[in-house]
C-alpha atoms as a PDB file:
ATOM      1  CA  MET A   1      65.121  92.297  41.953  1.00  0.00           C
ATOM      2  CA  ALA A   2      65.884  94.348  39.428  1.00  0.00           C
ATOM      3  CA  THR A   3      68.883  92.388  39.329  1.00  0.00           C
ATOM      4  CA  ILE A   4      66.688  89.327  38.732  1.00  0.00           C
ATOM      5  CA  CYS A   5      64.515  91.207  35.937  1.00  0.00           C
ATOM      6  CA  THR A   6      67.280  92.162  34.213  1.00  0.00           C
ATOM      7  CA  GLU A   7      69.345  88.725  33.960  1.00  0.00           C
ATOM      8  CA  THR A   8      65.905  86.780  33.174  1.00  0.00           C
ATOM      9  CA  LEU A   9      65.210  89.686  30.000  1.00  0.00           C
ATOM     10  CA  GLN A  10      68.482  88.669  28.710  1.00  0.00           C
ATOM     11  CA  ALA A  11      68.030  85.248  28.944  1.00  0.00           C
ATOM     12  CA  LEU A  12      65.107  85.616  26.333  1.00  0.00           C
ATOM     13  CA  ARG A  13      66.262  87.765  24.208  1.00  0.00           C
ATOM     14  CA  PRO A  14      67.120  84.854  21.586  1.00  0.00           C
ATOM     15  CA  LEU A  15      63.925  84.128  21.275  1.00  0.00           C
ATOM     16  CA  CYS A  16      63.488  87.088  19.268  1.00  0.00           C
ATOM     17  CA  PHE A  17      66.765  86.944  17.477  1.00  0.00           C
ATOM     18  CA  THR A  18      67.127  87.864  14.083  1.00  0.00           C
ATOM     19  CA  LEU A  19      64.413  86.362  12.343  1.00  0.00           C
ATOM     20  CA  PRO A  20      63.584  86.345   9.062  1.00  0.00           C
ATOM     21  CA  LYS A  21      61.919  89.489   8.055  1.00  0.00           C
ATOM     22  CA  SER A  22      59.885  88.202   4.777  1.00  0.00           C
ATOM     23  CA  PRO A  23      58.766  84.412   3.599  1.00  0.00           C
ATOM     24  CA  LYS A  24      61.135  85.013   1.167  1.00  0.00           C
ATOM     25  CA  SER A  25      64.442  85.683   3.237  1.00  0.00           C
ATOM     26  CA  SER A  26      64.286  81.641   3.755  1.00  0.00           C
ATOM     27  CA  SER A  27      63.704  78.545   1.756  1.00  0.00           C
ATOM     28  CA  ARG A  28      61.925  76.843   5.151  1.00  0.00           C
ATOM     29  CA  PHE A  29      59.273  79.451   5.010  1.00  0.00           C
ATOM     30  CA  LEU A  30      58.064  77.760   1.358  1.00  0.00           C
ATOM     31  CA  SER A  31      57.336  75.140   3.492  1.00  0.00           C
ATOM     32  CA  ILE A  32      55.615  76.141   6.230  1.00  0.00           C
ATOM     33  CA  PRO A  33      51.918  74.334   6.401  1.00  0.00           C
ATOM     34  CA  THR A  34      49.526  75.941   4.766  1.00  0.00           C
ATOM     35  CA  ILE A  35      46.217  76.963   6.836  1.00  0.00           C
ATOM     36  CA  GLU A  36      42.248  76.369   4.974  1.00  0.00           C
ATOM     37  CA  SER A  37      39.920  78.309   7.632  1.00  0.00           C
ATOM     38  CA  ARG A  38      36.557  76.617   8.028  1.00  0.00           C
ATOM     39  CA  PRO A  39      34.332  77.216  10.926  1.00  0.00           C
ATOM     40  CA  HIS A  40      35.820  76.186  14.307  1.00  0.00           C
ATOM     41  CA  LEU A  41      37.863  73.876  12.049  1.00  0.00           C
ATOM     42  CA  VAL A  42      41.501  73.961  10.827  1.00  0.00           C
ATOM     43  CA  THR A  43      42.834  71.839   8.287  1.00  0.00           C
ATOM     44  CA  ILE A  44      46.606  71.828   7.974  1.00  0.00           C
ATOM     45  CA  SER A  45      48.306  69.977   5.581  1.00  0.00           C
ATOM     46  CA  SER A  46      52.293  70.629   4.838  1.00  0.00           C
ATOM     47  CA  PRO A  47      54.161  69.669   1.645  1.00  0.00           C
ATOM     48  CA  THR A  48      57.111  67.984   3.356  1.00  0.00           C
ATOM     49  CA  SER A  49      54.512  65.920   5.008  1.00  0.00           C
ATOM     50  CA  THR A  50      51.817  65.317   2.128  1.00  0.00           C
ATOM     51  CA  HIS A  51      50.799  61.720   3.493  1.00  0.00           C
ATOM     52  CA  MET A  52      49.141  63.124   6.683  1.00  0.00           C
ATOM     53  CA  ALA A  53      46.723  65.617   7.154  1.00  0.00           C
ATOM     54  CA  VAL A  54      46.020  67.183  10.751  1.00  0.00           C
ATOM     55  CA  SER A  55      42.525  68.851  11.805  1.00  0.00           C
ATOM     56  CA  ARG A  56      42.207  70.838  15.099  1.00  0.00           C
ATOM     57  CA  PRO A  57      39.805  72.947  16.578  1.00  0.00           C
ATOM     58  CA  HIS A  58      40.238  76.799  16.168  1.00  0.00           C
ATOM     59  CA  PRO A  59      42.587  78.424  17.793  1.00  0.00           C
ATOM     60  CA  ARG A  60      40.640  80.569  19.497  1.00  0.00           C
ATOM     61  CA  LEU A  61      38.995  77.508  21.160  1.00  0.00           C
ATOM     62  CA  ARG A  62      41.981  76.235  23.101  1.00  0.00           C
ATOM     63  CA  VAL A  63      41.361  73.313  23.171  1.00  0.00           C
ATOM     64  CA  ARG A  64      44.642  71.084  23.530  1.00  0.00           C
ATOM     65  CA  ALA A  65      45.995  67.652  21.625  1.00  0.00           C
ATOM     66  CA  SER A  66      45.124  64.246  23.254  1.00  0.00           C
ATOM     67  CA  ALA A  67      46.129  60.937  22.140  1.00  0.00           C
ATOM     68  CA  ALA A  68      42.925  60.438  20.218  1.00  0.00           C
ATOM     69  CA  GLU A  69      43.592  63.557  18.373  1.00  0.00           C
ATOM     70  CA  PHE A  70      46.226  61.269  16.238  1.00  0.00           C
ATOM     71  CA  SER A  71      45.829  58.324  13.838  1.00  0.00           C
ATOM     72  CA  ALA A  72      46.168  54.944  15.292  1.00  0.00           C
ATOM     73  CA  SER A  73      49.005  54.940  12.793  1.00  0.00           C
ATOM     74  CA  ILE A  74      50.902  57.778  14.183  1.00  0.00           C
ATOM     75  CA  GLY A  75      53.399  55.073  15.841  1.00  0.00           C
ATOM     76  CA  ASP A  76      54.368  53.623  12.339  1.00  0.00           C
ATOM     77  CA  ALA A  77      55.033  56.850  10.822  1.00  0.00           C
ATOM     78  CA  LEU A  78      56.833  58.845  13.767  1.00  0.00           C
ATOM     79  CA  GLY A  79      58.687  55.607  13.549  1.00  0.00           C
ATOM     80  CA  ASP A  80      60.173  56.086  10.377  1.00  0.00           C
ATOM     81  CA  VAL A  81      61.368  59.765  10.482  1.00  0.00           C
ATOM     82  CA  SER A  82      65.261  60.112  10.704  1.00  0.00           C
ATOM     83  CA  ILE A  83      66.681  62.321  13.306  1.00  0.00           C
ATOM     84  CA  PHE A  84      70.289  62.951  14.493  1.00  0.00           C
ATOM     85  CA  THR A  85      72.224  61.722  17.578  1.00  0.00           C
ATOM     86  CA  ALA A  86      74.137  64.487  19.697  1.00  0.00           C
ATOM     87  CA  SER A  87      77.271  62.830  18.272  1.00  0.00           C
ATOM     88  CA  GLY A  88      75.496  63.489  14.450  1.00  0.00           C
ATOM     89  CA  ASP A  89      74.843  59.573  13.534  1.00  0.00           C
ATOM     90  CA  VAL A  90      71.344  58.992  11.940  1.00  0.00           C
ATOM     91  CA  VAL A  91      68.743  57.277  13.583  1.00  0.00           C
ATOM     92  CA  LEU A  92      65.165  56.351  13.038  1.00  0.00           C
ATOM     93  CA  PHE A  93      62.748  56.781  15.930  1.00  0.00           C
ATOM     94  CA  LYS A  94      61.720  52.877  16.031  1.00  0.00           C
ATOM     95  CA  ASP A  95      65.206  52.401  17.390  1.00  0.00           C
ATOM     96  CA  LEU A  96      65.192  54.360  19.965  1.00  0.00           C
ATOM     97  CA  TRP A  97      62.697  51.860  22.309  1.00  0.00           C
ATOM     98  CA  ASP A  98      61.381  48.664  22.073  1.00  0.00           C
ATOM     99  CA  GLN A  99      58.141  48.954  19.507  1.00  0.00           C
ATOM    100  CA  THR A 100      56.167  46.586  21.454  1.00  0.00           C
ATOM    101  CA  GLU A 101      56.195  46.949  24.927  1.00  0.00           C
ATOM    102  CA  GLY A 102      58.806  49.745  25.469  1.00  0.00           C
ATOM    103  CA  VAL A 103      57.672  52.819  27.248  1.00  0.00           C
ATOM    104  CA  ALA A 104      59.185  56.110  25.573  1.00  0.00           C
ATOM    105  CA  VAL A 105      58.526  60.149  26.609  1.00  0.00           C
ATOM    106  CA  VAL A 106      59.312  61.786  23.189  1.00  0.00           C
ATOM    107  CA  ALA A 107      59.829  65.441  24.803  1.00  0.00           C
ATOM    108  CA  LEU A 108      59.675  67.791  21.254  1.00  0.00           C
ATOM    109  CA  LEU A 109      61.491  70.829  22.564  1.00  0.00           C
ATOM    110  CA  ARG A 110      61.764  73.870  20.587  1.00  0.00           C
ATOM    111  CA  HIS A 111      65.420  74.750  19.463  1.00  0.00           C
ATOM    112  CA  PHE A 112      68.526  74.392  20.816  1.00  0.00           C
ATOM    113  CA  GLY A 113      68.755  77.977  21.504  1.00  0.00           C
ATOM    114  CA  CYS A 114      65.937  78.692  23.104  1.00  0.00           C
ATOM    115  CA  PRO A 115      66.048  79.792  26.909  1.00  0.00           C
ATOM    116  CA  CYS A 116      62.840  77.739  28.192  1.00  0.00           C
ATOM    117  CA  CYS A 117      63.941  74.662  26.664  1.00  0.00           C
ATOM    118  CA  TRP A 118      67.031  74.808  28.120  1.00  0.00           C
ATOM    119  CA  GLU A 119      65.075  75.034  31.342  1.00  0.00           C
ATOM    120  CA  LEU A 120      62.694  72.176  30.535  1.00  0.00           C
ATOM    121  CA  ALA A 121      66.117  69.783  29.421  1.00  0.00           C
ATOM    122  CA  SER A 122      67.002  70.833  32.590  1.00  0.00           C
ATOM    123  CA  THR A 123      63.736  69.496  34.738  1.00  0.00           C
ATOM    124  CA  LEU A 124      63.873  66.222  32.636  1.00  0.00           C
ATOM    125  CA  LYS A 125      67.581  65.485  33.680  1.00  0.00           C
ATOM    126  CA  GLU A 126      66.243  65.991  37.401  1.00  0.00           C
ATOM    127  CA  SER A 127      63.510  63.562  36.520  1.00  0.00           C
ATOM    128  CA  LYS A 128      65.437  61.197  34.122  1.00  0.00           C
ATOM    129  CA  ALA A 129      65.797  59.054  37.266  1.00  0.00           C
ATOM    130  CA  LYS A 130      62.311  58.724  38.019  1.00  0.00           C
ATOM    131  CA  PHE A 131      61.903  57.417  34.552  1.00  0.00           C
ATOM    132  CA  ASP A 132      64.610  55.209  34.228  1.00  0.00           C
ATOM    133  CA  LEU A 133      63.121  53.557  37.729  1.00  0.00           C
ATOM    134  CA  ALA A 134      60.061  53.313  36.235  1.00  0.00           C
ATOM    135  CA  GLY A 135      61.543  51.377  33.028  1.00  0.00           C
ATOM    136  CA  VAL A 136      61.009  54.254  30.923  1.00  0.00           C
ATOM    137  CA  LYS A 137      63.030  55.856  28.075  1.00  0.00           C
ATOM    138  CA  LEU A 138      63.461  59.655  28.050  1.00  0.00           C
ATOM    139  CA  ILE A 139      64.162  61.046  24.745  1.00  0.00           C
ATOM    140  CA  ALA A 140      64.739  64.556  24.333  1.00  0.00           C
ATOM    141  CA  VAL A 141      64.438  66.225  20.822  1.00  0.00           C
ATOM    142  CA  GLY A 142      65.240  70.073  19.387  1.00  0.00           C
ATOM    143  CA  ILE A 143      65.789  71.975  16.357  1.00  0.00           C
ATOM    144  CA  GLY A 144      68.676  72.464  15.148  1.00  0.00           C
ATOM    145  CA  THR A 145      72.221  70.606  13.822  1.00  0.00           C
ATOM    146  CA  PRO A 146      74.202  67.915  16.276  1.00  0.00           C
ATOM    147  CA  ASN A 147      76.504  70.221  16.807  1.00  0.00           C
ATOM    148  CA  LYS A 148      74.122  72.652  18.534  1.00  0.00           C
ATOM    149  CA  ALA A 149      72.560  69.828  20.881  1.00  0.00           C
ATOM    150  CA  GLN A 150      76.240  68.817  22.074  1.00  0.00           C
ATOM    151  CA  LEU A 151      75.968  72.835  23.029  1.00  0.00           C
ATOM    152  CA  LEU A 152      73.073  72.513  24.879  1.00  0.00           C
ATOM    153  CA  ALA A 153      74.467  68.904  26.277  1.00  0.00           C
ATOM    154  CA  GLU A 154      77.755  70.155  27.563  1.00  0.00           C
ATOM    155  CA  ARG A 155      76.834  73.300  28.787  1.00  0.00           C
ATOM    156  CA  LEU A 156      74.008  72.567  30.849  1.00  0.00           C
ATOM    157  CA  PRO A 157      74.520  69.590  31.053  1.00  0.00           C
ATOM    158  CA  PHE A 158      72.028  66.988  29.896  1.00  0.00           C
ATOM    159  CA  PRO A 159      72.897  62.934  28.865  1.00  0.00           C
ATOM    160  CA  MET A 160      73.854  63.158  25.127  1.00  0.00           C
ATOM    161  CA  ASP A 161      72.534  59.342  24.837  1.00  0.00           C
ATOM    162  CA  CYS A 162      68.729  61.000  25.862  1.00  0.00           C
ATOM    163  CA  LEU A 163      68.999  63.748  23.627  1.00  0.00           C
ATOM    164  CA  TYR A 164      68.736  63.837  19.476  1.00  0.00           C
ATOM    165  CA  ALA A 165      68.543  67.009  16.823  1.00  0.00           C
ATOM    166  CA  ASP A 166      65.971  67.381  14.308  1.00  0.00           C
ATOM    167  CA  PRO A 167      67.243  70.140  12.027  1.00  0.00           C
ATOM    168  CA  ASP A 168      64.207  70.278   9.162  1.00  0.00           C
ATOM    169  CA  ARG A 169      61.434  69.631  11.917  1.00  0.00           C
ATOM    170  CA  LYS A 170      60.367  66.172  10.381  1.00  0.00           C
ATOM    171  CA  ALA A 171      58.693  64.642  13.369  1.00  0.00           C
ATOM    172  CA  TYR A 172      56.933  68.425  14.464  1.00  0.00           C
ATOM    173  CA  ASP A 173      55.534  68.351  11.011  1.00  0.00           C
ATOM    174  CA  LEU A 174      54.195  65.172  10.877  1.00  0.00           C
ATOM    175  CA  LEU A 175      52.912  65.950  14.630  1.00  0.00           C
ATOM    176  CA  GLY A 176      51.351  68.588  13.471  1.00  0.00           C
ATOM    177  CA  LEU A 177      53.164  70.834  16.528  1.00  0.00           C
ATOM    178  CA  TYR A 178      51.836  74.378  16.233  1.00  0.00           C
ATOM    179  CA  TYR A 179      53.895  77.492  14.433  1.00  0.00           C
ATOM    180  CA  GLY A 180      54.037  80.555  13.546  1.00  0.00           C
ATOM    181  CA  TRP A 181      54.464  84.255  15.404  1.00  0.00           C
ATOM    182  CA  GLY A 182      51.220  84.077  17.337  1.00  0.00           C
ATOM    183  CA  ARG A 183      51.926  81.476  18.805  1.00  0.00           C
ATOM    184  CA  THR A 184      55.634  81.910  19.068  1.00  0.00           C
ATOM    185  CA  PHE A 185      55.152  85.900  20.967  1.00  0.00           C
ATOM    186  CA  PHE A 186      51.937  86.345  21.683  1.00  0.00           C
ATOM    187  CA  ASN A 187      50.097  83.547  22.488  1.00  0.00           C
ATOM    188  CA  PRO A 188      48.771  83.802  26.725  1.00  0.00           C
ATOM    189  CA  ALA A 189      50.168  80.194  27.704  1.00  0.00           C
ATOM    190  CA  SER A 190      53.927  81.576  27.004  1.00  0.00           C
ATOM    191  CA  ALA A 191      53.519  83.970  29.882  1.00  0.00           C
ATOM    192  CA  LYS A 192      53.453  80.720  31.722  1.00  0.00           C
ATOM    193  CA  VAL A 193      57.374  81.338  32.136  1.00  0.00           C
ATOM    194  CA  LEU A 194      57.088  84.466  34.198  1.00  0.00           C
ATOM    195  CA  SER A 195      56.372  82.250  37.258  1.00  0.00           C
ATOM    196  CA  ARG A 196      59.400  79.846  36.535  1.00  0.00           C
ATOM    197  CA  PHE A 197      62.403  82.804  36.663  1.00  0.00           C
ATOM    198  CA  GLU A 198      64.328  81.214  39.221  1.00  0.00           C
ATOM    199  CA  ALA A 199      64.344  77.796  37.228  1.00  0.00           C
ATOM    200  CA  LEU A 200      64.814  79.763  34.289  1.00  0.00           C
ATOM    201  CA  GLN A 201      67.976  81.687  35.859  1.00  0.00           C
ATOM    202  CA  LYS A 202      69.573  78.669  36.806  1.00  0.00           C
ATOM    203  CA  ALA A 203      69.154  76.770  33.686  1.00  0.00           C
ATOM    204  CA  VAL A 204      70.557  79.359  31.614  1.00  0.00           C
ATOM    205  CA  LYS A 205      73.432  79.830  33.836  1.00  0.00           C
ATOM    206  CA  ASN A 206      75.703  77.928  31.093  1.00  0.00           C
ATOM    207  CA  TYR A 207      74.109  79.353  28.378  1.00  0.00           C
ATOM    208  CA  THR A 208      75.163  80.584  24.653  1.00  0.00           C
ATOM    209  CA  ILE A 209      73.706  82.043  21.795  1.00  0.00           C
ATOM    210  CA  GLU A 210      75.292  80.006  19.523  1.00  0.00           C
ATOM    211  CA  ALA A 211      73.393  76.977  20.383  1.00  0.00           C
ATOM    212  CA  MET A 212      70.685  79.099  18.025  1.00  0.00           C
ATOM    213  CA  PRO A 213      69.429  76.865  14.640  1.00  0.00           C
ATOM    214  CA  ASP A 214      71.521  78.222  11.827  1.00  0.00           C
ATOM    215  CA  ASP A 215      67.922  78.521  10.186  1.00  0.00           C
ATOM    216  CA  ARG A 216      66.201  81.008  11.898  1.00  0.00           C
ATOM    217  CA  SER A 217      62.825  80.376  10.973  1.00  0.00           C
ATOM    218  CA  GLY A 218      63.226  77.502  13.119  1.00  0.00           C
ATOM    219  CA  VAL A 219      62.322  80.078  16.159  1.00  0.00           C
ATOM    220  CA  LEU A 220      58.801  80.017  15.591  1.00  0.00           C
ATOM    221  CA  GLN A 221      58.432  76.700  15.977  1.00  0.00           C
ATOM    222  CA  GLN A 222      56.209  75.215  19.346  1.00  0.00           C
ATOM    223  CA  GLY A 223      57.085  71.792  21.041  1.00  0.00           C
ATOM    224  CA  GLY A 224      55.377  69.433  22.863  1.00  0.00           C
ATOM    225  CA  THR A 225      55.170  65.944  24.747  1.00  0.00           C
ATOM    226  CA  PHE A 226      54.156  62.094  23.978  1.00  0.00           C
ATOM    227  CA  VAL A 227      53.757  59.095  26.094  1.00  0.00           C
ATOM    228  CA  PHE A 228      54.166  56.025  23.906  1.00  0.00           C
ATOM    229  CA  LYS A 229      54.241  52.164  24.805  1.00  0.00           C
ATOM    230  CA  GLY A 230      55.048  50.547  21.745  1.00  0.00           C
ATOM    231  CA  LYS A 231      53.913  52.277  18.760  1.00  0.00           C
ATOM    232  CA  GLN A 232      50.886  52.798  20.868  1.00  0.00           C
ATOM    233  CA  LEU A 233      50.874  56.590  21.893  1.00  0.00           C
ATOM    234  CA  LEU A 234      48.799  57.121  25.423  1.00  0.00           C
ATOM    235  CA  TYR A 235      49.388  61.088  25.698  1.00  0.00           C
ATOM    236  CA  ALA A 236      49.713  63.514  23.680  1.00  0.00           C
ATOM    237  CA  ARG A 237      50.480  67.165  24.575  1.00  0.00           C
ATOM    238  CA  LYS A 238      51.245  70.116  22.526  1.00  0.00           C
ATOM    239  CA  ASP A 239      52.785  73.452  23.913  1.00  0.00           C
ATOM    240  CA  GLU A 240      50.513  75.962  23.747  1.00  0.00           C
ATOM    241  CA  GLY A 241      53.029  78.490  23.674  1.00  0.00           C
ATOM    242  CA  THR A 242      56.574  79.071  24.422  1.00  0.00           C
ATOM    243  CA  GLY A 243      57.483  77.902  27.412  1.00  0.00           C
ATOM    244  CA  ASP A 244      54.106  76.039  27.926  1.00  0.00           C
ATOM    245  CA  HIS A 245      55.513  72.735  28.930  1.00  0.00           C
ATOM    246  CA  ALA A 246      53.370  69.584  29.478  1.00  0.00           C
ATOM    247  CA  PRO A 247      53.597  69.083  33.274  1.00  0.00           C
ATOM    248  CA  LEU A 248      55.787  65.807  34.294  1.00  0.00           C
ATOM    249  CA  ASP A 249      52.946  65.027  36.934  1.00  0.00           C
ATOM    250  CA  ASP A 250      50.968  64.158  34.522  1.00  0.00           C
ATOM    251  CA  VAL A 251      53.528  62.578  32.234  1.00  0.00           C
ATOM    252  CA  PHE A 252      54.453  60.583  35.433  1.00  0.00           C
ATOM    253  CA  ASP A 253      50.682  59.630  36.360  1.00  0.00           C
ATOM    254  CA  ILE A 254      50.055  58.291  32.238  1.00  0.00           C
ATOM    255  CA  CYS A 255      53.820  56.325  32.402  1.00  0.00           C
ATOM    256  CA  CYS A 256      53.092  54.473  35.850  1.00  0.00           C
ATOM    257  CA  LYS A 257      49.815  53.360  35.036  1.00  0.00           C
ATOM    258  CA  VAL A 258      51.356  51.663  32.181  1.00  0.00           C
ATOM    259  CA  PRO A 259      52.805  48.234  33.284  1.00  0.00           C
ATOM    260  CA  VAL A 260      56.474  47.855  31.991  1.00  0.00           C
ATOM    261  CA  ALA A 261      58.099  44.577  30.355  1.00  0.00           C
END
């Protein structure tokens, strides 16, 4: 038991690796969404995505996101966001699946150096055959440059044709995914990973710290899972904390209810 705990703690160490000591130490911190507090409401606006403001209940209420939270035009907005393939080519979200009738699961990981995201990527890989059988496109996006994505793809391994890099966190900002010290290190939802020791250990067997993003502010970003049919958002779930991933049974349930062209 002692060996299991030691190895797991070593695997989780990159979560705390070399964070900026102050906002002035990283230019990316200058673009962190500003927060305006009101009674039971937090309104977030980002300098990098001024075209969209996201409102959500106060964090203490612990209300998870739903598709109803987003504008009906969110599919169009996300479609114009550019990211990178794992091989380094620029691609738009709208080119990743059929924008009329195609069904896609878009899983936004935290960053390619996050052990919990290696675990999630491993789970997605194991479920890919089920997605394929249902005619659903699987898209996994992580924070970091394409060469960081390649490390995860090669060492986990993970299919490169399903893996994309968003080094500037454009999609994360647009979708209003949670960000910050509290969400990353102190949210109670992060404790869920403790119940998945064995899966985590297996996933990080070939882990390398070299997959960490060069911009260390990226480690404070949380992910989320979204299901689209064409441009229509059917399911949305923001990760409350590190390792708080969407239940795949819920995702499959949504996908199986949607007729695929």
